[in-house]
Amino acid sequence: MSEPPGAVTLAEAAPAIDVPSEKLTAQRVQPLRKPGRWIATAVALVLVAQFTHGLISNPFYQWDRFGYWFLRPVILDGLLITLEVAAWSAVLGLLGGILLALARLSKSPVLRAVSWTYVWALRSIPLIVVLLFLYNFSALYQTLSVGVPFGPAFFRFDESRLATDMVIAVVGLSLNEAAYAAEVVRGGILSVDQGQHEAAAALGLPRRYQFWRIVFPQALRSITPNYVNQLIGLVKATSLVFYVSLLDLFGTVQTMGATYPGDIVPLLLVVTVWYLVLTSVVSVIQFYVERYYARGATRSLPPTPLQKLRTALTDLRARIRREAAV
């Protein structure tokens, strides 16, 4: 398109600005100032400093007694019982949760009703009530039998001999854990894209093979983080087995606190630190399991804490070099 006679172009009208390239490269881009972030950071640092100062300077914490009790054999024995109860309850609870989830997704109305009723009941009843009910179960049924309903019994055994304190604790926690694990597993299975089910069915694969080799591995990506959160709650819930006469970590601390009333605070600090250690270990395992199942779902795997540290140090060195160059 030709310009009309006498027209002045924009390039001709605009004054020429001659800026040396050295000035352009030397100028720094000023980041956007965010005073709210700095204020929140300052408040957080002050609170952390106050809390740390209180822990160190307050004599009532009795850190010397904390060091005395932390690795005592009686404390470690209670810790082993806590680990044993938590491990058995986690495995049995997950297996029960898988069965309940499959029953909930079944086409059988009876299985769906039974599974829904179980989950509804166990999620509604407090765990301490379940444990106390099982602890007094022998008062309701002195003997248990296996046989035909309203007919002859094939096996009979004494409930009081079978139901030791450890068994009661594991059974109670497993029953409670299975109810929550069922919803976690069911949600994970439903999160798998329907196209995966259709593709597996189109290949003519058996339904059992479809579930265990195609659907369930993909569901684990959603199940894992949620169930590990349940495990952290389970580790803390083991403190309730003290009420069924099982001396776990918390029960041992309670007993030692009654024997040595002057050491109640350091003993509570001991149990606090041990629970922090246990939940931290579970959290680390959760991170690496999630990272493993994230393969193929994200373009790049999430960095490990060591990789994050290396990146932060590299960025810090680059920033220092830029500051020095200016």
C-alpha atoms as a PDB file:
ATOM      1  CA  MET A   1       0.000   0.000   0.000  1.00  0.00           C
ATOM      2  CA  SER A   2       1.604   3.313  -1.116  1.00  0.00           C
ATOM      3  CA  GLU A   3       1.877   6.273   1.239  1.00  0.00           C
ATOM      4  CA  PRO A   4       0.048   9.537   0.286  1.00  0.00           C
ATOM      5  CA  PRO A   5       2.191  12.491  -0.807  1.00  0.00           C
ATOM      6  CA  GLY A   6       3.644  14.424   2.112  1.00  0.00           C
ATOM      7  CA  ALA A   7       2.933  11.726   4.716  1.00  0.00           C
ATOM      8  CA  VAL A   8       5.404  11.331   7.553  1.00  0.00           C
ATOM      9  CA  THR A   9       6.094   7.880   8.863  1.00  0.00           C
ATOM     10  CA  LEU A  10       6.213   7.049  12.578  1.00  0.00           C
ATOM     11  CA  ALA A  11       9.893   6.244  12.386  1.00  0.00           C
ATOM     12  CA  GLU A  12      10.618   9.682  10.926  1.00  0.00           C
ATOM     13  CA  ALA A  13       8.433  11.527  13.432  1.00  0.00           C
ATOM     14  CA  ALA A  14       9.819   9.807  16.521  1.00  0.00           C
ATOM     15  CA  PRO A  15      13.028  11.323  17.809  1.00  0.00           C
ATOM     16  CA  ALA A  16      16.011   9.051  17.684  1.00  0.00           C
ATOM     17  CA  ILE A  17      17.156   7.892  21.110  1.00  0.00           C
ATOM     18  CA  ASP A  18      20.738   6.879  21.203  1.00  0.00           C
ATOM     19  CA  VAL A  19      21.359   4.790  24.345  1.00  0.00           C
ATOM     20  CA  PRO A  20      24.722   3.112  24.657  1.00  0.00           C
ATOM     21  CA  SER A  21      24.506  -0.662  24.857  1.00  0.00           C
ATOM     22  CA  GLU A  22      26.830  -0.650  27.891  1.00  0.00           C
ATOM     23  CA  LYS A  23      24.233   1.268  29.935  1.00  0.00           C
ATOM     24  CA  LEU A  24      21.486  -1.156  28.955  1.00  0.00           C
ATOM     25  CA  THR A  25      23.492  -4.176  30.042  1.00  0.00           C
ATOM     26  CA  ALA A  26      24.605  -2.481  33.253  1.00  0.00           C
ATOM     27  CA  GLN A  27      21.052  -1.638  34.350  1.00  0.00           C
ATOM     28  CA  ARG A  28      19.449  -4.151  36.737  1.00  0.00           C
ATOM     29  CA  VAL A  29      15.819  -5.105  36.767  1.00  0.00           C
ATOM     30  CA  GLN A  30      14.429  -4.147  40.161  1.00  0.00           C
ATOM     31  CA  PRO A  31      12.264  -6.899  41.635  1.00  0.00           C
ATOM     32  CA  LEU A  32       8.765  -6.099  42.821  1.00  0.00           C
ATOM     33  CA  ARG A  33       8.820  -5.138  46.468  1.00  0.00           C
ATOM     34  CA  LYS A  34       6.609  -7.204  48.730  1.00  0.00           C
ATOM     35  CA  PRO A  35       6.529  -5.660  52.214  1.00  0.00           C
ATOM     36  CA  GLY A  36       3.869  -8.084  53.451  1.00  0.00           C
ATOM     37  CA  ARG A  37       6.164 -11.044  52.885  1.00  0.00           C
ATOM     38  CA  TRP A  38       9.010  -9.356  54.757  1.00  0.00           C
ATOM     39  CA  ILE A  39       6.763  -8.468  57.684  1.00  0.00           C
ATOM     40  CA  ALA A  40       5.410 -12.042  57.904  1.00  0.00           C
ATOM     41  CA  THR A  41       8.967 -13.408  57.734  1.00  0.00           C
ATOM     42  CA  ALA A  42      10.118 -11.093  60.512  1.00  0.00           C
ATOM     43  CA  VAL A  43       7.191 -12.077  62.749  1.00  0.00           C
ATOM     44  CA  ALA A  44       7.852 -15.789  62.112  1.00  0.00           C
ATOM     45  CA  LEU A  45      11.549 -15.397  62.959  1.00  0.00           C
ATOM     46  CA  VAL A  46      10.725 -13.546  66.183  1.00  0.00           C
ATOM     47  CA  LEU A  47       8.266 -16.260  67.254  1.00  0.00           C
ATOM     48  CA  VAL A  48      10.762 -19.034  66.451  1.00  0.00           C
ATOM     49  CA  ALA A  49      13.477 -17.202  68.390  1.00  0.00           C
ATOM     50  CA  GLN A  50      11.189 -16.735  71.400  1.00  0.00           C
ATOM     51  CA  PHE A  51      10.168 -20.396  71.347  1.00  0.00           C
ATOM     52  CA  THR A  52      13.784 -21.574  71.063  1.00  0.00           C
ATOM     53  CA  HIS A  53      14.860 -19.254  73.864  1.00  0.00           C
ATOM     54  CA  GLY A  54      12.114 -20.629  76.083  1.00  0.00           C
ATOM     55  CA  LEU A  55      13.149 -24.218  75.409  1.00  0.00           C
ATOM     56  CA  ILE A  56      16.764 -23.522  76.240  1.00  0.00           C
ATOM     57  CA  SER A  57      16.453 -21.155  79.187  1.00  0.00           C
ATOM     58  CA  ASN A  58      13.442 -22.558  81.071  1.00  0.00           C
ATOM     59  CA  PRO A  59      14.799 -24.805  83.865  1.00  0.00           C
ATOM     60  CA  PHE A  60      11.533 -26.712  84.237  1.00  0.00           C
ATOM     61  CA  TYR A  61      12.229 -28.618  81.019  1.00  0.00           C
ATOM     62  CA  GLN A  62      15.104 -30.384  82.834  1.00  0.00           C
ATOM     63  CA  TRP A  63      17.091 -31.300  79.730  1.00  0.00           C
ATOM     64  CA  ASP A  64      19.558 -33.289  81.807  1.00  0.00           C
ATOM     65  CA  ARG A  65      16.725 -35.626  82.863  1.00  0.00           C
ATOM     66  CA  PHE A  66      15.532 -35.725  79.262  1.00  0.00           C
ATOM     67  CA  GLY A  67      18.946 -37.067  78.223  1.00  0.00           C
ATOM     68  CA  TYR A  68      18.783 -39.596  81.048  1.00  0.00           C
ATOM     69  CA  TRP A  69      15.394 -40.996  80.024  1.00  0.00           C
ATOM     70  CA  PHE A  70      15.622 -40.772  76.239  1.00  0.00           C
ATOM     71  CA  LEU A  71      17.477 -44.054  75.625  1.00  0.00           C
ATOM     72  CA  ARG A  72      16.576 -45.917  78.799  1.00  0.00           C
ATOM     73  CA  PRO A  73      15.768 -49.623  78.165  1.00  0.00           C
ATOM     74  CA  VAL A  74      12.259 -49.234  79.564  1.00  0.00           C
ATOM     75  CA  ILE A  75      11.550 -46.437  77.036  1.00  0.00           C
ATOM     76  CA  LEU A  76      13.004 -48.446  74.153  1.00  0.00           C
ATOM     77  CA  ASP A  77      10.903 -51.474  75.110  1.00  0.00           C
ATOM     78  CA  GLY A  78       7.779 -49.336  74.923  1.00  0.00           C
ATOM     79  CA  LEU A  79       8.964 -47.941  71.587  1.00  0.00           C
ATOM     80  CA  LEU A  80       9.329 -51.454  70.159  1.00  0.00           C
ATOM     81  CA  ILE A  81       5.777 -52.309  71.238  1.00  0.00           C
ATOM     82  CA  THR A  82       4.532 -49.116  69.547  1.00  0.00           C
ATOM     83  CA  LEU A  83       6.322 -50.058  66.325  1.00  0.00           C
ATOM     84  CA  GLU A  84       4.988 -53.607  66.438  1.00  0.00           C
ATOM     85  CA  VAL A  85       1.392 -52.516  67.008  1.00  0.00           C
ATOM     86  CA  ALA A  86       1.626 -49.847  64.297  1.00  0.00           C
ATOM     87  CA  ALA A  87       3.185 -52.228  61.746  1.00  0.00           C
ATOM     88  CA  TRP A  88       0.628 -55.014  62.225  1.00  0.00           C
ATOM     89  CA  SER A  89      -2.276 -52.567  62.266  1.00  0.00           C
ATOM     90  CA  ALA A  90      -1.067 -50.797  59.110  1.00  0.00           C
ATOM     91  CA  VAL A  91      -0.763 -54.046  57.122  1.00  0.00           C
ATOM     92  CA  LEU A  92      -4.016 -55.579  58.352  1.00  0.00           C
ATOM     93  CA  GLY A  93      -5.858 -52.273  58.051  1.00  0.00           C
ATOM     94  CA  LEU A  94      -4.743 -51.809  54.436  1.00  0.00           C
ATOM     95  CA  LEU A  95      -5.704 -55.375  53.491  1.00  0.00           C
ATOM     96  CA  GLY A  96      -9.095 -54.914  55.132  1.00  0.00           C
ATOM     97  CA  GLY A  97      -9.500 -51.553  53.419  1.00  0.00           C
ATOM     98  CA  ILE A  98      -8.818 -53.087  49.991  1.00  0.00           C
ATOM     99  CA  LEU A  99     -11.415 -55.788  50.580  1.00  0.00           C
ATOM    100  CA  LEU A 100     -13.969 -53.265  51.819  1.00  0.00           C
ATOM    101  CA  ALA A 101     -13.297 -50.967  48.844  1.00  0.00           C
ATOM    102  CA  LEU A 102     -13.757 -53.815  46.373  1.00  0.00           C
ATOM    103  CA  ALA A 103     -16.972 -54.813  48.141  1.00  0.00           C
ATOM    104  CA  ARG A 104     -18.163 -51.200  47.969  1.00  0.00           C
ATOM    105  CA  LEU A 105     -17.500 -51.138  44.214  1.00  0.00           C
ATOM    106  CA  SER A 106     -19.047 -54.574  43.684  1.00  0.00           C
ATOM    107  CA  LYS A 107     -22.251 -55.089  41.725  1.00  0.00           C
ATOM    108  CA  SER A 108     -23.655 -57.144  44.596  1.00  0.00           C
ATOM    109  CA  PRO A 109     -26.073 -55.031  46.657  1.00  0.00           C
ATOM    110  CA  VAL A 110     -25.387 -57.177  49.729  1.00  0.00           C
ATOM    111  CA  LEU A 111     -21.627 -56.576  49.583  1.00  0.00           C
ATOM    112  CA  ARG A 112     -22.145 -52.878  48.978  1.00  0.00           C
ATOM    113  CA  ALA A 113     -24.529 -52.602  51.928  1.00  0.00           C
ATOM    114  CA  VAL A 114     -22.259 -54.538  54.287  1.00  0.00           C
ATOM    115  CA  SER A 115     -19.198 -52.507  53.292  1.00  0.00           C
ATOM    116  CA  TRP A 116     -21.028 -49.185  53.604  1.00  0.00           C
ATOM    117  CA  THR A 117     -22.427 -50.136  57.014  1.00  0.00           C
ATOM    118  CA  TYR A 118     -19.010 -51.196  58.308  1.00  0.00           C
ATOM    119  CA  VAL A 119     -17.330 -47.989  57.144  1.00  0.00           C
ATOM    120  CA  TRP A 120     -20.159 -45.861  58.516  1.00  0.00           C
ATOM    121  CA  ALA A 121     -20.079 -47.569  61.924  1.00  0.00           C
ATOM    122  CA  LEU A 122     -16.311 -47.668  62.460  1.00  0.00           C
ATOM    123  CA  ARG A 123     -15.839 -44.079  61.322  1.00  0.00           C
ATOM    124  CA  SER A 124     -18.566 -42.960  63.726  1.00  0.00           C
ATOM    125  CA  ILE A 125     -17.405 -44.806  66.852  1.00  0.00           C
ATOM    126  CA  PRO A 126     -14.361 -43.309  68.650  1.00  0.00           C
ATOM    127  CA  LEU A 127     -11.288 -45.536  68.645  1.00  0.00           C
ATOM    128  CA  ILE A 128     -11.051 -45.566  72.430  1.00  0.00           C
ATOM    129  CA  VAL A 129     -14.597 -46.962  72.592  1.00  0.00           C
ATOM    130  CA  VAL A 130     -13.689 -49.729  70.139  1.00  0.00           C
ATOM    131  CA  LEU A 131     -10.623 -50.667  72.183  1.00  0.00           C
ATOM    132  CA  LEU A 132     -12.498 -50.700  75.481  1.00  0.00           C
ATOM    133  CA  PHE A 133     -15.315 -52.741  73.937  1.00  0.00           C
ATOM    134  CA  LEU A 134     -12.831 -55.356  72.687  1.00  0.00           C
ATOM    135  CA  TYR A 135     -11.075 -55.323  76.053  1.00  0.00           C
ATOM    136  CA  ASN A 136     -14.360 -56.309  77.737  1.00  0.00           C
ATOM    137  CA  PHE A 137     -15.458 -58.625  74.940  1.00  0.00           C
ATOM    138  CA  SER A 138     -14.920 -61.721  77.076  1.00  0.00           C
ATOM    139  CA  ALA A 139     -17.712 -60.543  79.389  1.00  0.00           C
ATOM    140  CA  LEU A 140     -20.140 -60.911  76.449  1.00  0.00           C
ATOM    141  CA  TYR A 141     -18.728 -64.070  74.871  1.00  0.00           C
ATOM    142  CA  GLN A 142     -16.655 -66.402  77.055  1.00  0.00           C
ATOM    143  CA  THR A 143     -16.143 -68.821  74.147  1.00  0.00           C
ATOM    144  CA  LEU A 144     -16.092 -68.345  70.391  1.00  0.00           C
ATOM    145  CA  SER A 145     -17.063 -71.029  67.881  1.00  0.00           C
ATOM    146  CA  VAL A 146     -16.945 -71.628  64.136  1.00  0.00           C
ATOM    147  CA  GLY A 147     -19.767 -73.621  62.591  1.00  0.00           C
ATOM    148  CA  VAL A 148     -23.171 -73.480  60.970  1.00  0.00           C
ATOM    149  CA  PRO A 149     -25.352 -70.546  62.142  1.00  0.00           C
ATOM    150  CA  PHE A 150     -28.070 -71.842  64.496  1.00  0.00           C
ATOM    151  CA  GLY A 151     -26.474 -75.291  64.058  1.00  0.00           C
ATOM    152  CA  PRO A 152     -23.548 -77.350  65.280  1.00  0.00           C
ATOM    153  CA  ALA A 153     -20.158 -75.772  65.970  1.00  0.00           C
ATOM    154  CA  PHE A 154     -17.025 -77.245  64.431  1.00  0.00           C
ATOM    155  CA  PHE A 155     -14.424 -75.416  66.554  1.00  0.00           C
ATOM    156  CA  ARG A 156     -14.586 -73.818  69.981  1.00  0.00           C
ATOM    157  CA  PHE A 157     -11.926 -71.813  71.794  1.00  0.00           C
ATOM    158  CA  ASP A 158     -11.656 -69.688  74.905  1.00  0.00           C
ATOM    159  CA  GLU A 159     -11.797 -65.993  74.025  1.00  0.00           C
ATOM    160  CA  SER A 160      -9.918 -64.846  77.131  1.00  0.00           C
ATOM    161  CA  ARG A 161      -6.867 -66.967  76.230  1.00  0.00           C
ATOM    162  CA  LEU A 162      -6.807 -65.789  72.632  1.00  0.00           C
ATOM    163  CA  ALA A 163      -7.399 -62.087  73.291  1.00  0.00           C
ATOM    164  CA  THR A 164      -4.115 -60.937  74.816  1.00  0.00           C
ATOM    165  CA  ASP A 165      -3.407 -57.244  75.278  1.00  0.00           C
ATOM    166  CA  MET A 166      -1.357 -57.176  72.072  1.00  0.00           C
ATOM    167  CA  VAL A 167      -4.085 -58.934  70.074  1.00  0.00           C
ATOM    168  CA  ILE A 168      -6.773 -56.573  71.381  1.00  0.00           C
ATOM    169  CA  ALA A 169      -4.681 -53.533  70.479  1.00  0.00           C
ATOM    170  CA  VAL A 170      -3.852 -54.776  66.962  1.00  0.00           C
ATOM    171  CA  VAL A 171      -7.413 -55.903  66.230  1.00  0.00           C
ATOM    172  CA  GLY A 172      -8.943 -52.667  67.488  1.00  0.00           C
ATOM    173  CA  LEU A 173      -6.583 -50.434  65.533  1.00  0.00           C
ATOM    174  CA  SER A 174      -6.885 -52.631  62.418  1.00  0.00           C
ATOM    175  CA  LEU A 175     -10.682 -52.528  62.465  1.00  0.00           C
ATOM    176  CA  ASN A 176     -10.629 -48.759  62.801  1.00  0.00           C
ATOM    177  CA  GLU A 177      -7.896 -48.314  60.185  1.00  0.00           C
ATOM    178  CA  ALA A 178      -9.677 -50.544  57.652  1.00  0.00           C
ATOM    179  CA  ALA A 179     -12.694 -48.231  57.619  1.00  0.00           C
ATOM    180  CA  TYR A 180     -10.590 -45.207  56.666  1.00  0.00           C
ATOM    181  CA  ALA A 181      -8.328 -47.158  54.327  1.00  0.00           C
ATOM    182  CA  ALA A 182     -11.403 -48.398  52.445  1.00  0.00           C
ATOM    183  CA  GLU A 183     -12.365 -44.849  51.497  1.00  0.00           C
ATOM    184  CA  VAL A 184      -8.776 -44.024  50.526  1.00  0.00           C
ATOM    185  CA  VAL A 185      -8.530 -47.093  48.276  1.00  0.00           C
ATOM    186  CA  ARG A 186     -11.976 -46.545  46.794  1.00  0.00           C
ATOM    187  CA  GLY A 187     -11.141 -42.923  45.978  1.00  0.00           C
ATOM    188  CA  GLY A 188      -7.877 -44.004  44.363  1.00  0.00           C
ATOM    189  CA  ILE A 189      -9.590 -46.597  42.179  1.00  0.00           C
ATOM    190  CA  LEU A 190     -12.253 -44.110  41.087  1.00  0.00           C
ATOM    191  CA  SER A 191      -9.527 -41.592  40.182  1.00  0.00           C
ATOM    192  CA  VAL A 192      -8.231 -43.860  37.392  1.00  0.00           C
ATOM    193  CA  ASP A 193      -9.443 -42.649  34.016  1.00  0.00           C
ATOM    194  CA  GLN A 194     -12.376 -44.629  32.653  1.00  0.00           C
ATOM    195  CA  GLY A 195     -10.521 -45.026  29.387  1.00  0.00           C
ATOM    196  CA  GLN A 196      -8.012 -47.285  31.132  1.00  0.00           C
ATOM    197  CA  HIS A 197     -10.818 -49.659  32.128  1.00  0.00           C
ATOM    198  CA  GLU A 198     -12.229 -49.622  28.609  1.00  0.00           C
ATOM    199  CA  ALA A 199      -8.829 -50.209  27.013  1.00  0.00           C
ATOM    200  CA  ALA A 200      -8.130 -53.158  29.313  1.00  0.00           C
ATOM    201  CA  ALA A 201     -11.564 -54.623  28.592  1.00  0.00           C
ATOM    202  CA  ALA A 202     -11.048 -54.144  24.845  1.00  0.00           C
ATOM    203  CA  LEU A 203      -7.882 -56.239  25.035  1.00  0.00           C
ATOM    204  CA  GLY A 204      -9.908 -59.093  26.471  1.00  0.00           C
ATOM    205  CA  LEU A 205      -7.949 -59.237  29.705  1.00  0.00           C
ATOM    206  CA  PRO A 206      -9.525 -61.050  32.686  1.00  0.00           C
ATOM    207  CA  ARG A 207     -11.094 -58.711  35.243  1.00  0.00           C
ATOM    208  CA  ARG A 208      -8.659 -59.789  37.961  1.00  0.00           C
ATOM    209  CA  TYR A 209      -5.697 -59.076  35.660  1.00  0.00           C
ATOM    210  CA  GLN A 210      -7.226 -55.732  34.678  1.00  0.00           C
ATOM    211  CA  PHE A 211      -7.446 -54.667  38.301  1.00  0.00           C
ATOM    212  CA  TRP A 212      -4.083 -55.836  39.671  1.00  0.00           C
ATOM    213  CA  ARG A 213      -1.905 -55.019  36.646  1.00  0.00           C
ATOM    214  CA  ILE A 214      -3.541 -51.942  35.101  1.00  0.00           C
ATOM    215  CA  VAL A 215      -6.013 -50.190  37.415  1.00  0.00           C
ATOM    216  CA  PHE A 216      -4.476 -50.681  40.867  1.00  0.00           C
ATOM    217  CA  PRO A 217      -0.906 -49.565  39.962  1.00  0.00           C
ATOM    218  CA  GLN A 218      -2.332 -46.313  38.610  1.00  0.00           C
ATOM    219  CA  ALA A 219      -4.582 -45.924  41.643  1.00  0.00           C
ATOM    220  CA  LEU A 220      -1.550 -46.197  43.931  1.00  0.00           C
ATOM    221  CA  ARG A 221      -0.470 -42.764  42.727  1.00  0.00           C
ATOM    222  CA  SER A 222      -3.507 -41.337  44.512  1.00  0.00           C
ATOM    223  CA  ILE A 223      -3.708 -43.884  47.324  1.00  0.00           C
ATOM    224  CA  THR A 224      -0.109 -43.566  48.564  1.00  0.00           C
ATOM    225  CA  PRO A 225      -0.044 -39.960  49.891  1.00  0.00           C
ATOM    226  CA  ASN A 226      -3.470 -40.279  51.491  1.00  0.00           C
ATOM    227  CA  TYR A 227      -2.744 -43.598  53.154  1.00  0.00           C
ATOM    228  CA  VAL A 228       0.635 -42.446  54.455  1.00  0.00           C
ATOM    229  CA  ASN A 229      -1.212 -39.592  56.162  1.00  0.00           C
ATOM    230  CA  GLN A 230      -3.371 -42.294  57.710  1.00  0.00           C
ATOM    231  CA  LEU A 231      -0.228 -44.090  58.869  1.00  0.00           C
ATOM    232  CA  ILE A 232       0.967 -40.968  60.653  1.00  0.00           C
ATOM    233  CA  GLY A 233      -2.379 -40.807  62.434  1.00  0.00           C
ATOM    234  CA  LEU A 234      -2.100 -44.525  63.207  1.00  0.00           C
ATOM    235  CA  VAL A 235       1.313 -44.089  64.839  1.00  0.00           C
ATOM    236  CA  LYS A 236      -0.136 -41.428  67.116  1.00  0.00           C
ATOM    237  CA  ALA A 237      -3.280 -43.503  67.757  1.00  0.00           C
ATOM    238  CA  THR A 238      -1.147 -46.283  69.261  1.00  0.00           C
ATOM    239  CA  SER A 239      -0.949 -44.119  72.382  1.00  0.00           C
ATOM    240  CA  LEU A 240      -4.512 -45.229  73.173  1.00  0.00           C
ATOM    241  CA  VAL A 241      -3.532 -48.891  73.672  1.00  0.00           C
ATOM    242  CA  PHE A 242      -2.378 -47.870  77.141  1.00  0.00           C
ATOM    243  CA  TYR A 243      -6.048 -48.053  78.134  1.00  0.00           C
ATOM    244  CA  VAL A 244      -6.146 -51.784  77.330  1.00  0.00           C
ATOM    245  CA  SER A 245      -3.183 -52.452  79.649  1.00  0.00           C
ATOM    246  CA  LEU A 246      -0.536 -52.545  76.914  1.00  0.00           C
ATOM    247  CA  LEU A 247       2.556 -50.584  77.866  1.00  0.00           C
ATOM    248  CA  ASP A 248       3.584 -48.961  74.622  1.00  0.00           C
ATOM    249  CA  LEU A 249       5.729 -45.825  74.421  1.00  0.00           C
ATOM    250  CA  PHE A 250       3.065 -43.535  75.862  1.00  0.00           C
ATOM    251  CA  GLY A 251       1.987 -46.104  78.454  1.00  0.00           C
ATOM    252  CA  THR A 252       5.567 -46.521  79.627  1.00  0.00           C
ATOM    253  CA  VAL A 253       5.967 -42.768  79.982  1.00  0.00           C
ATOM    254  CA  GLN A 254       2.713 -42.580  81.939  1.00  0.00           C
ATOM    255  CA  THR A 255       3.888 -45.323  84.280  1.00  0.00           C
ATOM    256  CA  MET A 256       7.314 -43.754  84.781  1.00  0.00           C
ATOM    257  CA  GLY A 257       5.669 -40.367  85.362  1.00  0.00           C
ATOM    258  CA  ALA A 258       3.558 -41.843  88.162  1.00  0.00           C
ATOM    259  CA  THR A 259       6.659 -43.432  89.703  1.00  0.00           C
ATOM    260  CA  TYR A 260       8.862 -40.347  89.285  1.00  0.00           C
ATOM    261  CA  PRO A 261       6.486 -37.358  89.520  1.00  0.00           C
ATOM    262  CA  GLY A 262       9.363 -34.886  89.420  1.00  0.00           C
ATOM    263  CA  ASP A 263      10.275 -36.067  85.894  1.00  0.00           C
ATOM    264  CA  ILE A 264       6.872 -35.667  84.249  1.00  0.00           C
ATOM    265  CA  VAL A 265       7.935 -32.802  81.964  1.00  0.00           C
ATOM    266  CA  PRO A 266      11.149 -34.448  80.662  1.00  0.00           C
ATOM    267  CA  LEU A 267       9.278 -37.714  80.169  1.00  0.00           C
ATOM    268  CA  LEU A 268       6.642 -35.913  78.100  1.00  0.00           C
ATOM    269  CA  LEU A 269       9.450 -34.370  76.069  1.00  0.00           C
ATOM    270  CA  VAL A 270      10.894 -37.846  75.517  1.00  0.00           C
ATOM    271  CA  VAL A 271       7.646 -39.226  74.130  1.00  0.00           C
ATOM    272  CA  THR A 272       7.175 -36.069  72.030  1.00  0.00           C
ATOM    273  CA  VAL A 273      10.596 -36.381  70.411  1.00  0.00           C
ATOM    274  CA  TRP A 274      10.148 -40.093  69.708  1.00  0.00           C
ATOM    275  CA  TYR A 275       6.785 -39.501  68.028  1.00  0.00           C
ATOM    276  CA  LEU A 276       8.388 -36.719  65.969  1.00  0.00           C
ATOM    277  CA  VAL A 277      11.117 -39.149  64.899  1.00  0.00           C
ATOM    278  CA  LEU A 278       8.607 -41.844  63.918  1.00  0.00           C
ATOM    279  CA  THR A 279       6.373 -39.511  61.923  1.00  0.00           C
ATOM    280  CA  SER A 280       9.414 -37.937  60.227  1.00  0.00           C
ATOM    281  CA  VAL A 281      10.609 -41.357  59.070  1.00  0.00           C
ATOM    282  CA  VAL A 282       7.150 -42.118  57.675  1.00  0.00           C
ATOM    283  CA  SER A 283       7.113 -38.745  55.907  1.00  0.00           C
ATOM    284  CA  VAL A 284      10.475 -39.445  54.249  1.00  0.00           C
ATOM    285  CA  ILE A 285       9.226 -42.822  53.063  1.00  0.00           C
ATOM    286  CA  GLN A 286       6.093 -41.119  51.741  1.00  0.00           C
ATOM    287  CA  PHE A 287       8.163 -38.663  49.687  1.00  0.00           C
ATOM    288  CA  TYR A 288      10.200 -41.334  47.930  1.00  0.00           C
ATOM    289  CA  VAL A 289       7.198 -43.598  47.338  1.00  0.00           C
ATOM    290  CA  GLU A 290       5.284 -40.679  45.800  1.00  0.00           C
ATOM    291  CA  ARG A 291       8.332 -39.839  43.695  1.00  0.00           C
ATOM    292  CA  TYR A 292       8.490 -43.425  42.464  1.00  0.00           C
ATOM    293  CA  TYR A 293       4.843 -43.513  41.393  1.00  0.00           C
ATOM    294  CA  ALA A 294       5.114 -40.061  39.806  1.00  0.00           C
ATOM    295  CA  ARG A 295       7.142 -41.544  36.955  1.00  0.00           C
ATOM    296  CA  GLY A 296       5.242 -41.111  33.713  1.00  0.00           C
ATOM    297  CA  ALA A 297       2.709 -38.743  35.285  1.00  0.00           C
ATOM    298  CA  THR A 298       4.920 -35.627  35.274  1.00  0.00           C
ATOM    299  CA  ARG A 299       7.503 -34.305  32.824  1.00  0.00           C
ATOM    300  CA  SER A 300      10.198 -34.329  35.484  1.00  0.00           C
ATOM    301  CA  LEU A 301      10.390 -36.000  38.869  1.00  0.00           C
ATOM    302  CA  PRO A 302      10.156 -33.740  41.928  1.00  0.00           C
ATOM    303  CA  PRO A 303      13.622 -32.902  43.279  1.00  0.00           C
ATOM    304  CA  THR A 304      14.883 -34.602  46.394  1.00  0.00           C
ATOM    305  CA  PRO A 305      15.830 -32.499  49.442  1.00  0.00           C
ATOM    306  CA  LEU A 306      19.514 -32.892  48.533  1.00  0.00           C
ATOM    307  CA  GLN A 307      18.844 -31.676  44.990  1.00  0.00           C
ATOM    308  CA  LYS A 308      16.891 -28.694  46.361  1.00  0.00           C
ATOM    309  CA  LEU A 309      19.831 -27.834  48.623  1.00  0.00           C
ATOM    310  CA  ARG A 310      22.279 -27.986  45.726  1.00  0.00           C
ATOM    311  CA  THR A 311      20.034 -25.759  43.606  1.00  0.00           C
ATOM    312  CA  ALA A 312      19.675 -23.222  46.415  1.00  0.00           C
ATOM    313  CA  LEU A 313      23.465 -23.102  46.928  1.00  0.00           C
ATOM    314  CA  THR A 314      24.030 -22.671  43.186  1.00  0.00           C
ATOM    315  CA  ASP A 315      21.534 -19.801  43.037  1.00  0.00           C
ATOM    316  CA  LEU A 316      23.127 -18.186  46.079  1.00  0.00           C
ATOM    317  CA  ARG A 317      26.599 -18.345  44.514  1.00  0.00           C
ATOM    318  CA  ALA A 318      25.296 -16.868  41.248  1.00  0.00           C
ATOM    319  CA  ARG A 319      23.629 -14.017  43.138  1.00  0.00           C
ATOM    320  CA  ILE A 320      26.820 -13.269  45.082  1.00  0.00           C
ATOM    321  CA  ARG A 321      28.795 -13.174  41.848  1.00  0.00           C
ATOM    322  CA  ARG A 322      26.338 -10.771  40.274  1.00  0.00           C
ATOM    323  CA  GLU A 323      26.484  -8.513  43.319  1.00  0.00           C
ATOM    324  CA  ALA A 324      30.279  -8.563  43.239  1.00  0.00           C
ATOM    325  CA  ALA A 325      30.339  -7.759  39.509  1.00  0.00           C
ATOM    326  CA  VAL A 326      28.150  -4.692  40.010  1.00  0.00           C
END
